[in-house]
């Protein structure tokens, strides 16, 4: 099965993320989401839909001292909870 993920917009309410950290967060998120999908795949619901307009990832606890890479991985895990098995 081929999976294509296109994230048009990622909304992180309540997080003040410096511009220089955004590419690092994005890369860490993409890498972790790809890893999770490769290991455990998609839920049956998502496998049966060809397009998903929105994913609710729920609440994510963020600490002020979180590194951008850690933040990106945690975002990916929250997204995966919404789409994975």
N, C-alpha and C. Protein backbone atom coordinates (compact mmCIF):
# COMPACT_ATOMS: atom_id res chain seq x y z
N UNK A 1 0.83 -1.17 0.00
CA UNK A 1 0.00 0.00 0.00
C UNK A 1 0.89 1.24 0.00
N UNK A 2 0.57 2.19 -0.85
CA UNK A 2 1.25 3.48 -0.88
C UNK A 2 0.42 4.49 -0.12
N UNK A 3 1.09 5.27 0.70
CA UNK A 3 0.41 6.30 1.48
C UNK A 3 1.03 7.63 1.12
N UNK A 4 0.19 8.60 0.79
CA UNK A 4 0.64 9.96 0.54
C UNK A 4 0.07 10.86 1.61
N UNK A 5 0.92 11.57 2.27
CA UNK A 5 0.49 12.50 3.32
C UNK A 5 0.83 13.91 2.86
N UNK A 6 -0.18 14.74 2.84
CA UNK A 6 0.02 16.15 2.49
C UNK A 6 -0.59 16.97 3.62
N UNK A 7 0.25 17.70 4.31
CA UNK A 7 -0.23 18.55 5.40
C UNK A 7 -0.18 19.97 4.88
N UNK A 8 -1.35 20.48 4.55
CA UNK A 8 -1.43 21.83 4.00
C UNK A 8 -1.20 22.88 5.07
N UNK A 9 -1.74 22.63 6.24
CA UNK A 9 -1.62 23.61 7.31
C UNK A 9 -1.63 22.88 8.64
N UNK A 10 -0.72 23.24 9.49
CA UNK A 10 -0.64 22.69 10.84
C UNK A 10 -0.88 23.82 11.81
N UNK A 11 -1.94 23.69 12.59
CA UNK A 11 -2.31 24.74 13.54
C UNK A 11 -1.90 24.30 14.93
N UNK A 12 -1.05 25.09 15.56
CA UNK A 12 -0.57 24.80 16.91
C UNK A 12 -0.99 25.96 17.80
N UNK A 13 -2.19 25.89 18.31
CA UNK A 13 -2.70 26.95 19.18
C UNK A 13 -1.92 26.98 20.49
N UNK A 14 -1.56 28.17 20.88
CA UNK A 14 -0.92 28.37 22.18
C UNK A 14 0.57 28.08 22.22
N UNK A 15 1.19 27.84 21.08
CA UNK A 15 2.63 27.57 21.04
C UNK A 15 3.32 28.72 20.32
N UNK A 16 4.22 29.38 21.02
CA UNK A 16 5.02 30.43 20.40
C UNK A 16 6.29 29.78 19.85
N UNK A 17 6.29 29.54 18.56
CA UNK A 17 7.40 28.83 17.93
C UNK A 17 8.22 29.80 17.09
N UNK A 18 9.48 30.03 17.47
CA UNK A 18 10.32 30.94 16.67
C UNK A 18 10.44 30.46 15.22
N UNK A 19 10.52 31.38 14.33
CA UNK A 19 10.61 31.08 12.89
C UNK A 19 11.74 30.09 12.59
N UNK A 20 12.88 30.23 13.24
CA UNK A 20 14.03 29.37 12.96
C UNK A 20 13.79 27.92 13.38
N UNK A 21 12.84 27.69 14.27
CA UNK A 21 12.55 26.32 14.73
C UNK A 21 11.53 25.61 13.84
N UNK A 22 10.80 26.34 13.06
CA UNK A 22 9.72 25.74 12.26
C UNK A 22 10.19 24.64 11.32
N UNK A 23 11.27 24.84 10.55
CA UNK A 23 11.72 23.76 9.67
C UNK A 23 12.19 22.52 10.44
N UNK A 24 12.75 22.72 11.62
CA UNK A 24 13.21 21.60 12.43
C UNK A 24 12.01 20.80 12.95
N UNK A 25 11.00 21.51 13.42
CA UNK A 25 9.78 20.85 13.89
C UNK A 25 9.13 20.09 12.74
N UNK A 26 9.04 20.72 11.58
CA UNK A 26 8.42 20.08 10.42
C UNK A 26 9.17 18.81 10.02
N UNK A 27 10.48 18.88 9.94
CA UNK A 27 11.28 17.71 9.53
C UNK A 27 11.14 16.58 10.54
N UNK A 28 11.18 16.90 11.83
CA UNK A 28 11.04 15.86 12.86
C UNK A 28 9.66 15.24 12.81
N UNK A 29 8.64 16.06 12.57
CA UNK A 29 7.28 15.54 12.47
C UNK A 29 7.13 14.61 11.27
N UNK A 30 7.61 15.03 10.14
CA UNK A 30 7.51 14.20 8.93
C UNK A 30 8.24 12.87 9.11
N UNK A 31 9.43 12.93 9.68
CA UNK A 31 10.22 11.72 9.88
C UNK A 31 9.53 10.75 10.83
N UNK A 32 9.03 11.26 11.94
CA UNK A 32 8.37 10.40 12.92
C UNK A 32 7.06 9.85 12.39
N UNK A 33 6.28 10.65 11.69
CA UNK A 33 5.02 10.17 11.14
C UNK A 33 5.27 9.09 10.09
N UNK A 34 6.27 9.27 9.26
CA UNK A 34 6.63 8.26 8.27
C UNK A 34 7.05 6.96 8.96
N UNK A 35 7.82 7.08 10.03
CA UNK A 35 8.27 5.90 10.77
C UNK A 35 7.09 5.15 11.37
N UNK A 36 6.17 5.86 11.99
CA UNK A 36 5.01 5.24 12.62
C UNK A 36 4.11 4.57 11.57
N UNK A 37 3.91 5.23 10.45
CA UNK A 37 3.09 4.65 9.39
C UNK A 37 3.74 3.40 8.81
N UNK A 38 5.06 3.41 8.66
CA UNK A 38 5.77 2.25 8.12
C UNK A 38 5.69 1.06 9.06
N UNK A 39 5.71 1.32 10.36
CA UNK A 39 5.68 0.24 11.34
C UNK A 39 4.28 -0.31 11.56
N UNK A 40 3.33 0.59 11.82
CA UNK A 40 1.99 0.15 12.24
C UNK A 40 0.87 0.46 11.26
N UNK A 41 1.12 1.24 10.24
CA UNK A 41 0.12 1.50 9.22
C UNK A 41 -1.01 2.40 9.68
N UNK A 42 -2.05 2.41 8.86
CA UNK A 42 -3.24 3.23 9.09
C UNK A 42 -4.36 2.41 9.70
N UNK A 43 -5.27 3.08 10.37
CA UNK A 43 -6.46 2.41 10.87
C UNK A 43 -7.32 1.98 9.67
N UNK A 44 -8.17 1.03 9.88
CA UNK A 44 -9.07 0.55 8.82
C UNK A 44 -9.92 1.70 8.28
N UNK A 45 -10.41 2.56 9.16
CA UNK A 45 -11.22 3.70 8.71
C UNK A 45 -10.47 4.56 7.70
N UNK A 46 -9.22 4.83 7.97
CA UNK A 46 -8.44 5.65 7.06
C UNK A 46 -8.07 4.90 5.78
N UNK A 47 -7.90 3.61 5.86
CA UNK A 47 -7.59 2.83 4.67
C UNK A 47 -8.76 2.85 3.69
N UNK A 48 -9.97 2.95 4.20
CA UNK A 48 -11.15 2.91 3.34
C UNK A 48 -11.51 4.27 2.75
N UNK A 49 -10.93 5.33 3.26
CA UNK A 49 -11.17 6.68 2.72
C UNK A 49 -9.99 7.07 1.87
N UNK A 50 -10.27 7.70 0.76
CA UNK A 50 -9.17 8.12 -0.12
C UNK A 50 -8.65 9.51 0.24
N UNK A 51 -9.50 10.34 0.81
CA UNK A 51 -9.09 11.68 1.19
C UNK A 51 -9.65 11.95 2.58
N UNK A 52 -8.81 12.51 3.41
CA UNK A 52 -9.24 12.90 4.76
C UNK A 52 -9.00 14.39 4.88
N UNK A 53 -10.05 15.14 5.08
CA UNK A 53 -9.93 16.59 5.11
C UNK A 53 -9.28 17.12 6.38
N UNK A 54 -9.49 16.42 7.49
CA UNK A 54 -9.02 16.94 8.77
C UNK A 54 -8.75 15.79 9.72
N UNK A 55 -7.74 15.96 10.53
CA UNK A 55 -7.41 14.99 11.57
C UNK A 55 -7.39 15.72 12.90
N UNK A 56 -8.13 15.23 13.85
CA UNK A 56 -8.10 15.79 15.19
C UNK A 56 -7.04 15.04 15.98
N UNK A 57 -5.99 15.74 16.37
CA UNK A 57 -4.89 15.11 17.08
C UNK A 57 -5.03 15.21 18.59
N UNK A 58 -6.02 15.94 19.04
CA UNK A 58 -6.23 16.06 20.48
C UNK A 58 -5.30 17.05 21.13
N UNK A 59 -5.16 16.92 22.42
CA UNK A 59 -4.36 17.85 23.22
C UNK A 59 -2.94 17.32 23.34
N UNK A 60 -1.99 18.21 23.22
CA UNK A 60 -0.58 17.86 23.31
C UNK A 60 0.05 18.74 24.38
N UNK A 61 0.66 18.12 25.37
CA UNK A 61 1.33 18.89 26.42
C UNK A 61 2.71 19.31 25.93
N UNK A 62 2.96 20.60 25.96
CA UNK A 62 4.22 21.15 25.51
C UNK A 62 4.89 21.88 26.67
N UNK A 63 6.15 21.60 26.86
CA UNK A 63 6.93 22.27 27.90
C UNK A 63 7.76 23.38 27.27
N UNK A 64 7.98 24.43 28.02
CA UNK A 64 8.74 25.57 27.50
C UNK A 64 10.14 25.19 27.03
N UNK A 65 10.72 24.18 27.63
CA UNK A 65 12.09 23.81 27.28
C UNK A 65 12.16 22.66 26.29
N UNK A 66 11.04 22.28 25.67
CA UNK A 66 11.07 21.21 24.66
C UNK A 66 11.91 21.64 23.46
N UNK A 67 12.79 20.77 23.05
CA UNK A 67 13.59 21.00 21.84
C UNK A 67 12.66 20.92 20.62
N UNK A 68 12.96 21.64 19.54
CA UNK A 68 12.11 21.58 18.34
C UNK A 68 11.95 20.16 17.79
N UNK A 69 13.00 19.36 17.87
CA UNK A 69 12.92 17.97 17.38
C UNK A 69 11.94 17.16 18.22
N UNK A 70 11.99 17.34 19.53
CA UNK A 70 11.08 16.63 20.43
C UNK A 70 9.65 17.08 20.17
N UNK A 71 9.45 18.36 19.98
CA UNK A 71 8.12 18.89 19.68
C UNK A 71 7.58 18.28 18.39
N UNK A 72 8.40 18.22 17.35
CA UNK A 72 7.97 17.64 16.08
C UNK A 72 7.58 16.18 16.22
N UNK A 73 8.38 15.41 16.95
CA UNK A 73 8.05 13.99 17.16
C UNK A 73 6.75 13.84 17.94
N UNK A 74 6.58 14.67 18.96
CA UNK A 74 5.36 14.57 19.78
C UNK A 74 4.12 14.95 18.98
N UNK A 75 4.24 15.93 18.11
CA UNK A 75 3.12 16.30 17.24
C UNK A 75 2.78 15.12 16.33
N UNK A 76 3.80 14.50 15.75
CA UNK A 76 3.58 13.35 14.87
C UNK A 76 2.87 12.22 15.61
N UNK A 77 3.26 11.96 16.83
CA UNK A 77 2.63 10.89 17.61
C UNK A 77 1.18 11.24 17.91
N UNK A 78 0.90 12.51 18.18
CA UNK A 78 -0.48 12.92 18.42
C UNK A 78 -1.31 12.76 17.16
N UNK A 79 -0.77 13.16 16.02
CA UNK A 79 -1.47 12.97 14.74
C UNK A 79 -1.70 11.49 14.49
N UNK A 80 -0.68 10.69 14.74
CA UNK A 80 -0.81 9.25 14.49
C UNK A 80 -1.91 8.62 15.36
N UNK A 81 -2.07 9.12 16.57
CA UNK A 81 -3.16 8.61 17.42
C UNK A 81 -4.51 8.81 16.75
N UNK A 82 -4.61 9.85 15.89
CA UNK A 82 -5.85 10.12 15.19
C UNK A 82 -6.04 9.31 13.92
N UNK A 83 -4.95 8.73 13.39
CA UNK A 83 -5.07 8.03 12.10
C UNK A 83 -4.56 6.60 12.11
N UNK A 84 -3.81 6.23 13.14
CA UNK A 84 -3.15 4.93 13.14
C UNK A 84 -3.98 3.81 13.72
N UNK A 85 -3.35 2.65 13.75
CA UNK A 85 -4.02 1.46 14.24
C UNK A 85 -4.09 1.40 15.73
